[in-house]
């Protein structure tokens, strides 16, 4: 289990665990910061390809539709490589 580093205040922890990339997201995600979250998540996946992307949303009290769009984009990206996106709390 390797701990990784994220450059976004929206990501509290990242680790690689076997074929999974586990990312803990924190804070409210809305139109103002969802582009930053998208960029950081795609960058982490590019640097650490994983079959399963596990997103822990326990520290996310609110998400608007722009945040949901980021999750859908990640799901579509993972499906192209037979991967999965798993949401947890």
PDB file of N, CA and C in Angstrom:
ATOM      1  N   UNK A   1       0.847  -1.164   0.000  1.00  0.00           N
ATOM      2  CA  UNK A   1       0.000   0.000   0.000  1.00  0.00           C
ATOM      3  C   UNK A   1       0.902   1.240   0.000  1.00  0.00           C
ATOM      4  N   UNK A   2       0.938   1.937  -1.116  1.00  0.00           N
ATOM      5  CA  UNK A   2       1.800   3.102  -1.241  1.00  0.00           C
ATOM      6  C   UNK A   2       1.000   4.387  -1.092  1.00  0.00           C
ATOM      7  N   UNK A   3       1.460   5.256  -0.220  1.00  0.00           N
ATOM      8  CA  UNK A   3       0.835   6.569  -0.070  1.00  0.00           C
ATOM      9  C   UNK A   3       1.344   7.459  -1.193  1.00  0.00           C
ATOM     10  N   UNK A   4       0.437   8.224  -1.762  1.00  0.00           N
ATOM     11  CA  UNK A   4       0.783   9.126  -2.853  1.00  0.00           C
ATOM     12  C   UNK A   4       0.471  10.549  -2.428  1.00  0.00           C
ATOM     13  N   UNK A   5       0.936  11.504  -3.207  1.00  0.00           N
ATOM     14  CA  UNK A   5       0.745  12.913  -2.876  1.00  0.00           C
ATOM     15  C   UNK A   5      -0.177  13.565  -3.897  1.00  0.00           C
ATOM     16  N   UNK A   6      -1.090  14.404  -3.389  1.00  0.00           N
ATOM     17  CA  UNK A   6      -1.972  15.186  -4.251  1.00  0.00           C
ATOM     18  C   UNK A   6      -1.704  16.661  -3.995  1.00  0.00           C
ATOM     19  N   UNK A   7      -1.855  17.457  -5.033  1.00  0.00           N
ATOM     20  CA  UNK A   7      -1.583  18.884  -4.916  1.00  0.00           C
ATOM     21  C   UNK A   7      -2.835  19.716  -4.678  1.00  0.00           C
ATOM     22  N   UNK A   8      -3.951  19.088  -4.435  1.00  0.00           N
ATOM     23  CA  UNK A   8      -5.214  19.806  -4.282  1.00  0.00           C
ATOM     24  C   UNK A   8      -5.687  19.754  -2.836  1.00  0.00           C
ATOM     25  N   UNK A   9      -6.175  20.873  -2.306  1.00  0.00           N
ATOM     26  CA  UNK A   9      -6.752  20.853  -0.962  1.00  0.00           C
ATOM     27  C   UNK A   9      -8.059  20.049  -0.905  1.00  0.00           C
ATOM     28  N   UNK A  10      -8.611  19.709  -2.057  1.00  0.00           N
ATOM     29  CA  UNK A  10      -9.841  18.919  -2.109  1.00  0.00           C
ATOM     30  C   UNK A  10      -9.586  17.433  -1.887  1.00  0.00           C
ATOM     31  N   UNK A  11      -8.326  17.036  -1.904  1.00  0.00           N
ATOM     32  CA  UNK A  11      -7.973  15.628  -1.736  1.00  0.00           C
ATOM     33  C   UNK A  11      -7.177  15.491  -0.448  1.00  0.00           C
ATOM     34  N   UNK A  12      -7.747  14.749   0.510  1.00  0.00           N
ATOM     35  CA  UNK A  12      -7.097  14.626   1.812  1.00  0.00           C
ATOM     36  C   UNK A  12      -6.118  13.459   1.885  1.00  0.00           C
ATOM     37  N   UNK A  13      -6.324  12.441   1.066  1.00  0.00           N
ATOM     38  CA  UNK A  13      -5.418  11.283   1.081  1.00  0.00           C
ATOM     39  C   UNK A  13      -5.519  10.527  -0.233  1.00  0.00           C
ATOM     40  N   UNK A  14      -4.386   9.955  -0.629  1.00  0.00           N
ATOM     41  CA  UNK A  14      -4.328   9.121  -1.841  1.00  0.00           C
ATOM     42  C   UNK A  14      -3.400   7.954  -1.542  1.00  0.00           C
ATOM     43  N   UNK A  15      -3.829   6.761  -1.959  1.00  0.00           N
ATOM     44  CA  UNK A  15      -2.948   5.610  -1.820  1.00  0.00           C
ATOM     45  C   UNK A  15      -3.240   4.606  -2.917  1.00  0.00           C
ATOM     46  N   UNK A  16      -2.202   3.907  -3.297  1.00  0.00           N
ATOM     47  CA  UNK A  16      -2.336   2.803  -4.236  1.00  0.00           C
ATOM     48  C   UNK A  16      -2.427   1.534  -3.408  1.00  0.00           C
ATOM     49  N   UNK A  17      -3.403   0.690  -3.716  1.00  0.00           N
ATOM     50  CA  UNK A  17      -3.620  -0.543  -2.973  1.00  0.00           C
ATOM     51  C   UNK A  17      -3.924  -1.650  -3.979  1.00  0.00           C
ATOM     52  N   UNK A  18      -2.908  -2.381  -4.362  1.00  0.00           N
ATOM     53  CA  UNK A  18      -3.078  -3.414  -5.387  1.00  0.00           C
ATOM     54  C   UNK A  18      -3.453  -2.789  -6.714  1.00  0.00           C
ATOM     55  N   UNK A  19      -4.590  -3.219  -7.272  1.00  0.00           N
ATOM     56  CA  UNK A  19      -5.036  -2.658  -8.552  1.00  0.00           C
ATOM     57  C   UNK A  19      -5.977  -1.471  -8.357  1.00  0.00           C
ATOM     58  N   UNK A  20      -5.990  -0.914  -7.142  1.00  0.00           N
ATOM     59  CA  UNK A  20      -6.898   0.196  -6.839  1.00  0.00           C
ATOM     60  C   UNK A  20      -6.122   1.459  -6.498  1.00  0.00           C
ATOM     61  N   UNK A  21      -6.720   2.575  -6.877  1.00  0.00           N
ATOM     62  CA  UNK A  21      -6.255   3.887  -6.458  1.00  0.00           C
ATOM     63  C   UNK A  21      -7.354   4.421  -5.552  1.00  0.00           C
ATOM     64  N   UNK A  22      -7.031   4.624  -4.277  1.00  0.00           N
ATOM     65  CA  UNK A  22      -8.008   5.042  -3.276  1.00  0.00           C
ATOM     66  C   UNK A  22      -7.771   6.519  -2.959  1.00  0.00           C
ATOM     67  N   UNK A  23      -8.811   7.326  -3.165  1.00  0.00           N
ATOM     68  CA  UNK A  23      -8.688   8.769  -3.005  1.00  0.00           C
ATOM     69  C   UNK A  23      -9.784   9.272  -2.077  1.00  0.00           C
ATOM     70  N   UNK A  24      -9.385   9.987  -1.026  1.00  0.00           N
ATOM     71  CA  UNK A  24     -10.340  10.612  -0.113  1.00  0.00           C
ATOM     72  C   UNK A  24     -10.511  12.070  -0.527  1.00  0.00           C
ATOM     73  N   UNK A  25     -11.743  12.443  -0.792  1.00  0.00           N
ATOM     74  CA  UNK A  25     -12.064  13.801  -1.225  1.00  0.00           C
ATOM     75  C   UNK A  25     -12.731  14.519  -0.061  1.00  0.00           C
ATOM     76  N   UNK A  26     -12.470  15.836   0.064  1.00  0.00           N
ATOM     77  CA  UNK A  26     -13.060  16.581   1.180  1.00  0.00           C
ATOM     78  C   UNK A  26     -13.582  17.938   0.723  1.00  0.00           C
ATOM     79  N   UNK A  27     -14.575  18.410   1.443  1.00  0.00           N
ATOM     80  CA  UNK A  27     -15.117  19.746   1.199  1.00  0.00           C
ATOM     81  C   UNK A  27     -16.284  19.740   0.232  1.00  0.00           C
ATOM     82  N   UNK A  28     -16.893  20.890   0.109  1.00  0.00           N
ATOM     83  CA  UNK A  28     -17.985  21.059  -0.842  1.00  0.00           C
ATOM     84  C   UNK A  28     -17.415  21.148  -2.247  1.00  0.00           C
ATOM     85  N   UNK A  29     -18.042  20.429  -3.180  1.00  0.00           N
ATOM     86  CA  UNK A  29     -17.582  20.429  -4.567  1.00  0.00           C
ATOM     87  C   UNK A  29     -18.674  21.086  -5.397  1.00  0.00           C
ATOM     88  N   UNK A  30     -18.304  22.185  -6.043  1.00  0.00           N
ATOM     89  CA  UNK A  30     -19.290  22.931  -6.827  1.00  0.00           C
ATOM     90  C   UNK A  30     -18.650  23.474  -8.103  1.00  0.00           C
ATOM     91  N   UNK A  31     -19.381  24.313  -8.786  1.00  0.00           N
ATOM     92  CA  UNK A  31     -18.941  24.860 -10.068  1.00  0.00           C
ATOM     93  C   UNK A  31     -17.585  25.560  -9.975  1.00  0.00           C
ATOM     94  N   UNK A  32     -17.272  26.127  -8.825  1.00  0.00           N
ATOM     95  CA  UNK A  32     -16.034  26.888  -8.676  1.00  0.00           C
ATOM     96  C   UNK A  32     -14.795  26.011  -8.524  1.00  0.00           C
ATOM     97  N   UNK A  33     -14.944  24.858  -7.886  1.00  0.00           N
ATOM     98  CA  UNK A  33     -13.750  24.043  -7.663  1.00  0.00           C
ATOM     99  C   UNK A  33     -13.783  22.669  -8.344  1.00  0.00           C
ATOM    100  N   UNK A  34     -14.891  22.306  -8.970  1.00  0.00           N
ATOM    101  CA  UNK A  34     -14.935  21.007  -9.650  1.00  0.00           C
ATOM    102  C   UNK A  34     -13.914  20.893 -10.790  1.00  0.00           C
ATOM    103  N   UNK A  35     -13.597  21.983 -11.531  1.00  0.00           N
ATOM    104  CA  UNK A  35     -12.542  21.847 -12.548  1.00  0.00           C
ATOM    105  C   UNK A  35     -11.184  21.478 -11.936  1.00  0.00           C
ATOM    106  N   UNK A  36     -10.883  22.030 -10.758  1.00  0.00           N
ATOM    107  CA  UNK A  36      -9.626  21.687 -10.079  1.00  0.00           C
ATOM    108  C   UNK A  36      -9.622  20.230  -9.645  1.00  0.00           C
ATOM    109  N   UNK A  37     -10.750  19.767  -9.113  1.00  0.00           N
ATOM    110  CA  UNK A  37     -10.854  18.367  -8.713  1.00  0.00           C
ATOM    111  C   UNK A  37     -10.685  17.451  -9.923  1.00  0.00           C
ATOM    112  N   UNK A  38     -11.342  17.792 -11.026  1.00  0.00           N
ATOM    113  CA  UNK A  38     -11.241  17.004 -12.253  1.00  0.00           C
ATOM    114  C   UNK A  38      -9.788  16.887 -12.699  1.00  0.00           C
ATOM    115  N   UNK A  39      -9.099  18.012 -12.758  1.00  0.00           N
ATOM    116  CA  UNK A  39      -7.703  18.034 -13.193  1.00  0.00           C
ATOM    117  C   UNK A  39      -6.840  17.161 -12.291  1.00  0.00           C
ATOM    118  N   UNK A  40      -7.019  17.303 -10.986  1.00  0.00           N
ATOM    119  CA  UNK A  40      -6.206  16.537 -10.044  1.00  0.00           C
ATOM    120  C   UNK A  40      -6.493  15.037 -10.146  1.00  0.00           C
ATOM    121  N   UNK A  41      -7.762  14.654 -10.254  1.00  0.00           N
ATOM    122  CA  UNK A  41      -8.098  13.229 -10.355  1.00  0.00           C
ATOM    123  C   UNK A  41      -7.568  12.619 -11.647  1.00  0.00           C
ATOM    124  N   UNK A  42      -7.718  13.316 -12.753  1.00  0.00           N
ATOM    125  CA  UNK A  42      -7.198  12.799 -14.027  1.00  0.00           C
ATOM    126  C   UNK A  42      -5.678  12.704 -14.002  1.00  0.00           C
ATOM    127  N   UNK A  43      -5.033  13.664 -13.361  1.00  0.00           N
ATOM    128  CA  UNK A  43      -3.575  13.635 -13.244  1.00  0.00           C
ATOM    129  C   UNK A  43      -3.124  12.450 -12.393  1.00  0.00           C
ATOM    130  N   UNK A  44      -3.799  12.225 -11.283  1.00  0.00           N
ATOM    131  CA  UNK A  44      -3.458  11.077 -10.437  1.00  0.00           C
ATOM    132  C   UNK A  44      -3.636   9.762 -11.185  1.00  0.00           C
ATOM    133  N   UNK A  45      -4.713   9.644 -11.960  1.00  0.00           N
ATOM    134  CA  UNK A  45      -4.937   8.420 -12.745  1.00  0.00           C
ATOM    135  C   UNK A  45      -3.894   8.254 -13.843  1.00  0.00           C
ATOM    136  N   UNK A  46      -3.489   9.349 -14.457  1.00  0.00           N
ATOM    137  CA  UNK A  46      -2.471   9.270 -15.512  1.00  0.00           C
ATOM    138  C   UNK A  46      -1.129   8.798 -14.942  1.00  0.00           C
ATOM    139  N   UNK A  47      -0.804   9.273 -13.745  1.00  0.00           N
ATOM    140  CA  UNK A  47       0.466   8.904 -13.118  1.00  0.00           C
ATOM    141  C   UNK A  47       0.414   7.540 -12.436  1.00  0.00           C
ATOM    142  N   UNK A  48      -0.790   7.118 -12.054  1.00  0.00           N
ATOM    143  CA  UNK A  48      -0.968   5.872 -11.310  1.00  0.00           C
ATOM    144  C   UNK A  48      -2.139   5.094 -11.889  1.00  0.00           C
ATOM    145  N   UNK A  49      -1.979   4.529 -13.080  1.00  0.00           N
ATOM    146  CA  UNK A  49      -3.097   3.802 -13.691  1.00  0.00           C
ATOM    147  C   UNK A  49      -3.610   2.708 -12.752  1.00  0.00           C
ATOM    148  N   UNK A  50      -4.923   2.624 -12.644  1.00  0.00           N
ATOM    149  CA  UNK A  50      -5.527   1.656 -11.736  1.00  0.00           C
ATOM    150  C   UNK A  50      -6.782   1.079 -12.362  1.00  0.00           C
ATOM    151  N   UNK A  51      -7.003  -0.188 -12.136  1.00  0.00           N
ATOM    152  CA  UNK A  51      -8.211  -0.841 -12.645  1.00  0.00           C
ATOM    153  C   UNK A  51      -9.442  -0.366 -11.873  1.00  0.00           C
ATOM    154  N   UNK A  52      -9.262  -0.165 -10.561  1.00  0.00           N
ATOM    155  CA  UNK A  52     -10.362   0.317  -9.730  1.00  0.00           C
ATOM    156  C   UNK A  52     -10.003   1.688  -9.162  1.00  0.00           C
ATOM    157  N   UNK A  53     -10.921   2.618  -9.287  1.00  0.00           N
ATOM    158  CA  UNK A  53     -10.781   3.944  -8.704  1.00  0.00           C
ATOM    159  C   UNK A  53     -11.795   4.037  -7.569  1.00  0.00           C
ATOM    160  N   UNK A  54     -11.299   4.099  -6.343  1.00  0.00           N
ATOM    161  CA  UNK A  54     -12.161   4.146  -5.167  1.00  0.00           C
ATOM    162  C   UNK A  54     -12.140   5.570  -4.629  1.00  0.00           C
ATOM    163  N   UNK A  55     -13.309   6.202  -4.626  1.00  0.00           N
ATOM    164  CA  UNK A  55     -13.424   7.583  -4.149  1.00  0.00           C
ATOM    165  C   UNK A  55     -14.196   7.586  -2.834  1.00  0.00           C
ATOM    166  N   UNK A  56     -13.521   7.998  -1.781  1.00  0.00           N
ATOM    167  CA  UNK A  56     -14.153   8.104  -0.471  1.00  0.00           C
ATOM    168  C   UNK A  56     -14.731   9.517  -0.364  1.00  0.00           C
ATOM    169  N   UNK A  57     -16.052   9.591  -0.230  1.00  0.00           N
ATOM    170  CA  UNK A  57     -16.751  10.875  -0.195  1.00  0.00           C
ATOM    171  C   UNK A  57     -17.274  11.214   1.200  1.00  0.00           C
ATOM    172  N   UNK A  58     -16.745  10.578   2.220  1.00  0.00           N
ATOM    173  CA  UNK A  58     -17.227  10.793   3.584  1.00  0.00           C
ATOM    174  C   UNK A  58     -17.109  12.253   4.015  1.00  0.00           C
ATOM    175  N   UNK A  59     -16.078  12.934   3.569  1.00  0.00           N
ATOM    176  CA  UNK A  59     -15.836  14.319   3.975  1.00  0.00           C
ATOM    177  C   UNK A  59     -16.415  15.335   2.979  1.00  0.00           C
ATOM    178  N   UNK A  60     -17.359  14.894   2.138  1.00  0.00           N
ATOM    179  CA  UNK A  60     -17.976  15.780   1.145  1.00  0.00           C
ATOM    180  C   UNK A  60     -19.433  16.010   1.555  1.00  0.00           C
ATOM    181  N   UNK A  61     -19.728  17.184   2.139  1.00  0.00           N
ATOM    182  CA  UNK A  61     -21.101  17.438   2.573  1.00  0.00           C
ATOM    183  C   UNK A  61     -22.040  17.853   1.441  1.00  0.00           C
ATOM    184  N   UNK A  62     -21.478  18.310   0.315  1.00  0.00           N
ATOM    185  CA  UNK A  62     -22.312  18.827  -0.776  1.00  0.00           C
ATOM    186  C   UNK A  62     -21.593  18.667  -2.099  1.00  0.00           C
ATOM    187  N   UNK A  63     -22.345  18.256  -3.117  1.00  0.00           N
ATOM    188  CA  UNK A  63     -21.844  18.190  -4.491  1.00  0.00           C
ATOM    189  C   UNK A  63     -22.939  18.724  -5.402  1.00  0.00           C
ATOM    190  N   UNK A  64     -22.567  19.596  -6.326  1.00  0.00           N
ATOM    191  CA  UNK A  64     -23.560  20.043  -7.298  1.00  0.00           C
ATOM    192  C   UNK A  64     -23.408  19.226  -8.581  1.00  0.00           C
ATOM    193  N   UNK A  65     -24.162  19.596  -9.598  1.00  0.00           N
ATOM    194  CA  UNK A  65     -24.165  18.822 -10.840  1.00  0.00           C
ATOM    195  C   UNK A  65     -22.814  18.831 -11.546  1.00  0.00           C
ATOM    196  N   UNK A  66     -22.016  19.871 -11.351  1.00  0.00           N
ATOM    197  CA  UNK A  66     -20.692  19.891 -11.985  1.00  0.00           C
ATOM    198  C   UNK A  66     -19.787  18.832 -11.368  1.00  0.00           C
ATOM    199  N   UNK A  67     -19.950  18.575 -10.089  1.00  0.00           N
ATOM    200  CA  UNK A  67     -19.178  17.521  -9.430  1.00  0.00           C
ATOM    201  C   UNK A  67     -19.631  16.148  -9.915  1.00  0.00           C
ATOM    202  N   UNK A  68     -20.926  15.982 -10.094  1.00  0.00           N
ATOM    203  CA  UNK A  68     -21.450  14.721 -10.627  1.00  0.00           C
ATOM    204  C   UNK A  68     -20.915  14.486 -12.035  1.00  0.00           C
ATOM    205  N   UNK A  69     -20.798  15.556 -12.816  1.00  0.00           N
ATOM    206  CA  UNK A  69     -20.246  15.441 -14.170  1.00  0.00           C
ATOM    207  C   UNK A  69     -18.799  14.937 -14.130  1.00  0.00           C
ATOM    208  N   UNK A  70     -18.033  15.368 -13.149  1.00  0.00           N
ATOM    209  CA  UNK A  70     -16.655  14.879 -12.997  1.00  0.00           C
ATOM    210  C   UNK A  70     -16.667  13.377 -12.716  1.00  0.00           C
ATOM    211  N   UNK A  71     -17.557  12.935 -11.834  1.00  0.00           N
ATOM    212  CA  UNK A  71     -17.650  11.512 -11.518  1.00  0.00           C
ATOM    213  C   UNK A  71     -18.057  10.694 -12.736  1.00  0.00           C
ATOM    214  N   UNK A  72     -18.997  11.203 -13.520  1.00  0.00           N
ATOM    215  CA  UNK A  72     -19.435  10.503 -14.735  1.00  0.00           C
ATOM    216  C   UNK A  72     -18.285  10.414 -15.737  1.00  0.00           C
ATOM    217  N   UNK A  73     -17.523  11.486 -15.889  1.00  0.00           N
ATOM    218  CA  UNK A  73     -16.378  11.462 -16.803  1.00  0.00           C
ATOM    219  C   UNK A  73     -15.350  10.412 -16.363  1.00  0.00           C
ATOM    220  N   UNK A  74     -15.091  10.339 -15.059  1.00  0.00           N
ATOM    221  CA  UNK A  74     -14.162   9.329 -14.554  1.00  0.00           C
ATOM    222  C   UNK A  74     -14.684   7.924 -14.818  1.00  0.00           C
ATOM    223  N   UNK A  75     -15.981   7.722 -14.620  1.00  0.00           N
ATOM    224  CA  UNK A  75     -16.587   6.418 -14.889  1.00  0.00           C
ATOM    225  C   UNK A  75     -16.428   6.039 -16.359  1.00  0.00           C
ATOM    226  N   UNK A  76     -16.708   6.969 -17.255  1.00  0.00           N
ATOM    227  CA  UNK A  76     -16.570   6.694 -18.685  1.00  0.00           C
ATOM    228  C   UNK A  76     -15.118   6.375 -19.041  1.00  0.00           C
ATOM    229  N   UNK A  77     -14.191   7.092 -18.461  1.00  0.00           N
ATOM    230  CA  UNK A  77     -12.767   6.853 -18.714  1.00  0.00           C
ATOM    231  C   UNK A  77     -12.357   5.472 -18.228  1.00  0.00           C
ATOM    232  N   UNK A  78     -12.785   5.108 -17.033  1.00  0.00           N
ATOM    233  CA  UNK A  78     -12.434   3.804 -16.485  1.00  0.00           C
ATOM    234  C   UNK A  78     -13.055   2.670 -17.286  1.00  0.00           C
ATOM    235  N   UNK A  79     -14.274   2.845 -17.754  1.00  0.00           N
ATOM    236  CA  UNK A  79     -14.945   1.797 -18.537  1.00  0.00           C
ATOM    237  C   UNK A  79     -14.215   1.496 -19.841  1.00  0.00           C
ATOM    238  N   UNK A  80     -13.533   2.479 -20.400  1.00  0.00           N
ATOM    239  CA  UNK A  80     -12.787   2.260 -21.645  1.00  0.00           C
ATOM    240  C   UNK A  80     -11.668   1.250 -21.461  1.00  0.00           C
ATOM    241  N   UNK A  81     -11.199   1.124 -20.236  1.00  0.00           N
ATOM    242  CA  UNK A  81     -10.106   0.177 -19.944  1.00  0.00           C
ATOM    243  C   UNK A  81     -10.592  -0.974 -19.061  1.00  0.00           C
ATOM    244  N   UNK A  82     -11.892  -1.222 -19.073  1.00  0.00           N
ATOM    245  CA  UNK A  82     -12.518  -2.283 -18.261  1.00  0.00           C
ATOM    246  C   UNK A  82     -12.335  -2.041 -16.771  1.00  0.00           C
ATOM    247  N   UNK A  83     -12.182  -0.792 -16.399  1.00  0.00           N
ATOM    248  CA  UNK A  83     -12.016  -0.445 -14.997  1.00  0.00           C
ATOM    249  C   UNK A  83     -13.347  -0.079 -14.346  1.00  0.00           C
ATOM    250  N   UNK A  84     -13.275   0.232 -13.067  1.00  0.00           N
ATOM    251  CA  UNK A  84     -14.457   0.566 -12.296  1.00  0.00           C
ATOM    252  C   UNK A  84     -14.214   1.807 -11.461  1.00  0.00           C
ATOM    253  N   UNK A  85     -15.301   2.493 -11.131  1.00  0.00           N
ATOM    254  CA  UNK A  85     -15.287   3.577 -10.162  1.00  0.00           C
ATOM    255  C   UNK A  85     -16.178   3.132  -9.012  1.00  0.00           C
ATOM    256  N   UNK A  86     -15.649   3.217  -7.807  1.00  0.00           N
ATOM    257  CA  UNK A  86     -16.383   2.809  -6.623  1.00  0.00           C
ATOM    258  C   UNK A  86     -16.469   4.003  -5.686  1.00  0.00           C
ATOM    259  N   UNK A  87     -17.691   4.362  -5.274  1.00  0.00           N
ATOM    260  CA  UNK A  87     -17.902   5.475  -4.349  1.00  0.00           C
ATOM    261  C   UNK A  87     -18.151   4.908  -2.955  1.00  0.00           C
ATOM    262  N   UNK A  88     -17.467   5.454  -1.954  1.00  0.00           N
ATOM    263  CA  UNK A  88     -17.638   5.008  -0.575  1.00  0.00           C
ATOM    264  C   UNK A  88     -17.830   6.210   0.341  1.00  0.00           C
ATOM    265  N   UNK A  89     -18.240   5.905   1.536  1.00  0.00           N
ATOM    266  CA  UNK A  89     -18.303   6.968   2.560  1.00  0.00           C
ATOM    267  C   UNK A  89     -17.698   6.515   3.861  1.00  0.00           C
TER     268      UNK A  89
END
